[in-house]
Amino acid sequence: MRLNEITYTDAKPVEGYGPGFFRIGGLVIIGGVFTGPTGTYKWNGYDEPEPLLRLVKHIDVLFLGTGAEISHIPENFRSILEEAGFALDVMASASAARTYNVLLSEGRRIALAMLPI
């Protein structure tokens, strides 16, 4: 039997979402959001990579939800994150939330940034 050590952090699961909001760990955020091992915060989108950059030493993968549908992210935003060392997985926000919850339950080192649906 293989045993893996799990380190619990301040990461909370995504409990719900709807037009313009997300509910994470009992907290409702209107607009964009990022969440991970350091907590949950409002995020203003692609023009604000700085808060995400603080996560790089705490995570292995950043899931990026692009809204109601998957879309390309701005090249300059992508290059800032990749140069910082992020493994980036881009998908629609609903898919990103579900994937994040599954991997969070497995104790993975992940974070999530989403634009509203």
C-alpha atoms as a PDB file:
ATOM      1  CA  MET A   1       0.000   0.000   0.000  1.00  0.00           C
ATOM      2  CA  ARG A   2       1.332   3.421  -0.950  1.00  0.00           C
ATOM      3  CA  LEU A   3       0.774   6.246   1.547  1.00  0.00           C
ATOM      4  CA  ASN A   4       1.083   9.908   0.642  1.00  0.00           C
ATOM      5  CA  GLU A   5       1.588  12.651   3.167  1.00  0.00           C
ATOM      6  CA  ILE A   6      -1.044  15.389   2.856  1.00  0.00           C
ATOM      7  CA  THR A   7      -0.283  18.907   4.002  1.00  0.00           C
ATOM      8  CA  TYR A   8      -3.440  20.838   4.724  1.00  0.00           C
ATOM      9  CA  THR A   9      -3.463  24.523   3.872  1.00  0.00           C
ATOM     10  CA  ASP A  10      -5.998  27.342   3.843  1.00  0.00           C
ATOM     11  CA  ALA A  11      -7.323  26.097   0.480  1.00  0.00           C
ATOM     12  CA  LYS A  12     -11.116  25.759   0.361  1.00  0.00           C
ATOM     13  CA  PRO A  13     -13.311  24.026  -2.233  1.00  0.00           C
ATOM     14  CA  VAL A  14     -15.517  25.830  -4.716  1.00  0.00           C
ATOM     15  CA  GLU A  15     -19.043  25.331  -3.370  1.00  0.00           C
ATOM     16  CA  GLY A  16     -20.979  27.108  -6.085  1.00  0.00           C
ATOM     17  CA  TYR A  17     -21.008  29.688  -8.847  1.00  0.00           C
ATOM     18  CA  GLY A  18     -23.478  31.582 -10.969  1.00  0.00           C
ATOM     19  CA  PRO A  19     -23.781  34.673 -13.126  1.00  0.00           C
ATOM     20  CA  GLY A  20     -21.059  36.993 -11.831  1.00  0.00           C
ATOM     21  CA  PHE A  21     -20.209  35.251  -8.533  1.00  0.00           C
ATOM     22  CA  PHE A  22     -18.390  32.346  -6.893  1.00  0.00           C
ATOM     23  CA  ARG A  23     -18.863  30.786  -3.441  1.00  0.00           C
ATOM     24  CA  ILE A  24     -15.677  29.322  -2.002  1.00  0.00           C
ATOM     25  CA  GLY A  25     -15.450  28.007   1.539  1.00  0.00           C
ATOM     26  CA  GLY A  26     -18.605  29.924   2.520  1.00  0.00           C
ATOM     27  CA  LEU A  27     -17.299  33.220   1.108  1.00  0.00           C
ATOM     28  CA  VAL A  28     -19.165  34.831  -1.811  1.00  0.00           C
ATOM     29  CA  ILE A  29     -16.955  36.732  -4.255  1.00  0.00           C
ATOM     30  CA  ILE A  30     -18.538  38.961  -6.898  1.00  0.00           C
ATOM     31  CA  GLY A  31     -16.468  39.007 -10.073  1.00  0.00           C
ATOM     32  CA  GLY A  32     -13.157  37.237 -10.604  1.00  0.00           C
ATOM     33  CA  VAL A  33     -11.554  35.167  -7.865  1.00  0.00           C
ATOM     34  CA  PHE A  34      -8.374  33.307  -7.070  1.00  0.00           C
ATOM     35  CA  THR A  35      -8.018  30.694  -4.393  1.00  0.00           C
ATOM     36  CA  GLY A  36      -5.406  28.272  -3.205  1.00  0.00           C
ATOM     37  CA  PRO A  37      -3.185  27.397  -0.278  1.00  0.00           C
ATOM     38  CA  THR A  38      -2.867  31.024   0.881  1.00  0.00           C
ATOM     39  CA  GLY A  39      -6.614  31.790   0.932  1.00  0.00           C
ATOM     40  CA  THR A  40      -9.350  33.194  -1.316  1.00  0.00           C
ATOM     41  CA  TYR A  41      -9.264  36.679  -2.841  1.00  0.00           C
ATOM     42  CA  LYS A  42     -10.998  38.875  -5.405  1.00  0.00           C
ATOM     43  CA  TRP A  43      -9.116  38.936  -8.718  1.00  0.00           C
ATOM     44  CA  ASN A  44      -9.458  41.598 -11.418  1.00  0.00           C
ATOM     45  CA  GLY A  45      -8.452  39.357 -14.291  1.00  0.00           C
ATOM     46  CA  TYR A  46      -5.671  39.355 -16.838  1.00  0.00           C
ATOM     47  CA  ASP A  47      -4.528  42.884 -15.969  1.00  0.00           C
ATOM     48  CA  GLU A  48      -3.612  41.699 -12.462  1.00  0.00           C
ATOM     49  CA  PRO A  49      -1.022  38.874 -12.552  1.00  0.00           C
ATOM     50  CA  GLU A  50       0.822  40.067  -9.413  1.00  0.00           C
ATOM     51  CA  PRO A  51      -1.334  38.315  -6.772  1.00  0.00           C
ATOM     52  CA  LEU A  52      -1.017  35.041  -8.670  1.00  0.00           C
ATOM     53  CA  LEU A  53       2.759  35.339  -8.816  1.00  0.00           C
ATOM     54  CA  ARG A  54       2.913  35.094  -5.012  1.00  0.00           C
ATOM     55  CA  LEU A  55       1.579  31.515  -5.276  1.00  0.00           C
ATOM     56  CA  VAL A  56       4.341  30.079  -7.430  1.00  0.00           C
ATOM     57  CA  LYS A  57       6.355  28.586  -4.555  1.00  0.00           C
ATOM     58  CA  HIS A  58       3.228  27.055  -2.991  1.00  0.00           C
ATOM     59  CA  ILE A  59       1.705  25.198  -5.960  1.00  0.00           C
ATOM     60  CA  ASP A  60       2.488  22.858  -8.828  1.00  0.00           C
ATOM     61  CA  VAL A  61      -0.412  23.803 -11.146  1.00  0.00           C
ATOM     62  CA  LEU A  62      -2.571  26.895 -11.617  1.00  0.00           C
ATOM     63  CA  PHE A  63      -6.010  26.261 -13.112  1.00  0.00           C
ATOM     64  CA  LEU A  64      -7.311  29.266 -15.011  1.00  0.00           C
ATOM     65  CA  GLY A  65     -11.041  29.576 -15.695  1.00  0.00           C
ATOM     66  CA  THR A  66     -11.779  31.861 -18.648  1.00  0.00           C
ATOM     67  CA  GLY A  67     -15.507  32.392 -17.998  1.00  0.00           C
ATOM     68  CA  ALA A  68     -18.508  30.630 -19.519  1.00  0.00           C
ATOM     69  CA  GLU A  69     -16.443  29.149 -22.352  1.00  0.00           C
ATOM     70  CA  ILE A  70     -12.814  28.285 -22.842  1.00  0.00           C
ATOM     71  CA  SER A  71     -10.934  31.046 -24.610  1.00  0.00           C
ATOM     72  CA  HIS A  72      -7.380  32.102 -25.320  1.00  0.00           C
ATOM     73  CA  ILE A  73      -5.712  34.151 -22.640  1.00  0.00           C
ATOM     74  CA  PRO A  74      -3.625  37.219 -23.526  1.00  0.00           C
ATOM     75  CA  GLU A  75      -0.130  36.208 -24.594  1.00  0.00           C
ATOM     76  CA  ASN A  76       1.582  38.713 -22.285  1.00  0.00           C
ATOM     77  CA  PHE A  77      -0.369  37.337 -19.277  1.00  0.00           C
ATOM     78  CA  ARG A  78       0.525  33.760 -20.208  1.00  0.00           C
ATOM     79  CA  SER A  79       4.208  34.608 -20.670  1.00  0.00           C
ATOM     80  CA  ILE A  80       4.397  36.387 -17.272  1.00  0.00           C
ATOM     81  CA  LEU A  81       3.005  33.314 -15.518  1.00  0.00           C
ATOM     82  CA  GLU A  82       5.082  30.792 -17.452  1.00  0.00           C
ATOM     83  CA  GLU A  83       8.294  32.789 -16.937  1.00  0.00           C
ATOM     84  CA  ALA A  84       7.548  32.765 -13.195  1.00  0.00           C
ATOM     85  CA  GLY A  85       7.461  28.959 -13.328  1.00  0.00           C
ATOM     86  CA  PHE A  86       3.745  28.164 -13.347  1.00  0.00           C
ATOM     87  CA  ALA A  87       2.317  25.060 -14.947  1.00  0.00           C
ATOM     88  CA  LEU A  88      -0.868  26.555 -16.374  1.00  0.00           C
ATOM     89  CA  ASP A  89      -4.056  24.690 -17.298  1.00  0.00           C
ATOM     90  CA  VAL A  90      -6.654  26.842 -19.070  1.00  0.00           C
ATOM     91  CA  MET A  91     -10.335  25.850 -19.301  1.00  0.00           C
ATOM     92  CA  ALA A  92     -13.857  27.235 -18.853  1.00  0.00           C
ATOM     93  CA  SER A  93     -14.511  28.392 -15.268  1.00  0.00           C
ATOM     94  CA  ALA A  94     -17.028  25.624 -14.482  1.00  0.00           C
ATOM     95  CA  SER A  95     -14.572  22.939 -15.619  1.00  0.00           C
ATOM     96  CA  ALA A  96     -11.724  24.622 -13.749  1.00  0.00           C
ATOM     97  CA  ALA A  97     -13.784  24.680 -10.530  1.00  0.00           C
ATOM     98  CA  ARG A  98     -14.654  20.980 -10.790  1.00  0.00           C
ATOM     99  CA  THR A  99     -11.081  19.959 -11.599  1.00  0.00           C
ATOM    100  CA  TYR A 100      -9.740  22.082  -8.748  1.00  0.00           C
ATOM    101  CA  ASN A 101     -12.158  20.476  -6.262  1.00  0.00           C
ATOM    102  CA  VAL A 102     -11.200  16.933  -7.276  1.00  0.00           C
ATOM    103  CA  LEU A 103      -7.469  17.577  -7.062  1.00  0.00           C
ATOM    104  CA  LEU A 104      -7.843  19.580  -3.848  1.00  0.00           C
ATOM    105  CA  SER A 105      -9.561  16.561  -2.257  1.00  0.00           C
ATOM    106  CA  GLU A 106      -6.484  14.511  -3.219  1.00  0.00           C
ATOM    107  CA  GLY A 107      -4.198  16.922  -1.373  1.00  0.00           C
ATOM    108  CA  ARG A 108      -2.536  18.310  -4.511  1.00  0.00           C
ATOM    109  CA  ARG A 109      -0.576  21.594  -4.542  1.00  0.00           C
ATOM    110  CA  ILE A 110      -2.883  23.625  -6.760  1.00  0.00           C
ATOM    111  CA  ALA A 111      -4.523  27.011  -7.113  1.00  0.00           C
ATOM    112  CA  LEU A 112      -7.418  28.382  -9.130  1.00  0.00           C
ATOM    113  CA  ALA A 113      -8.072  31.735 -10.793  1.00  0.00           C
ATOM    114  CA  MET A 114     -11.445  32.268 -12.480  1.00  0.00           C
ATOM    115  CA  LEU A 115     -13.285  34.899 -14.415  1.00  0.00           C
ATOM    116  CA  PRO A 116     -17.045  35.032 -13.794  1.00  0.00           C
ATOM    117  CA  ILE A 117     -19.551  33.127 -15.856  1.00  0.00           C
END
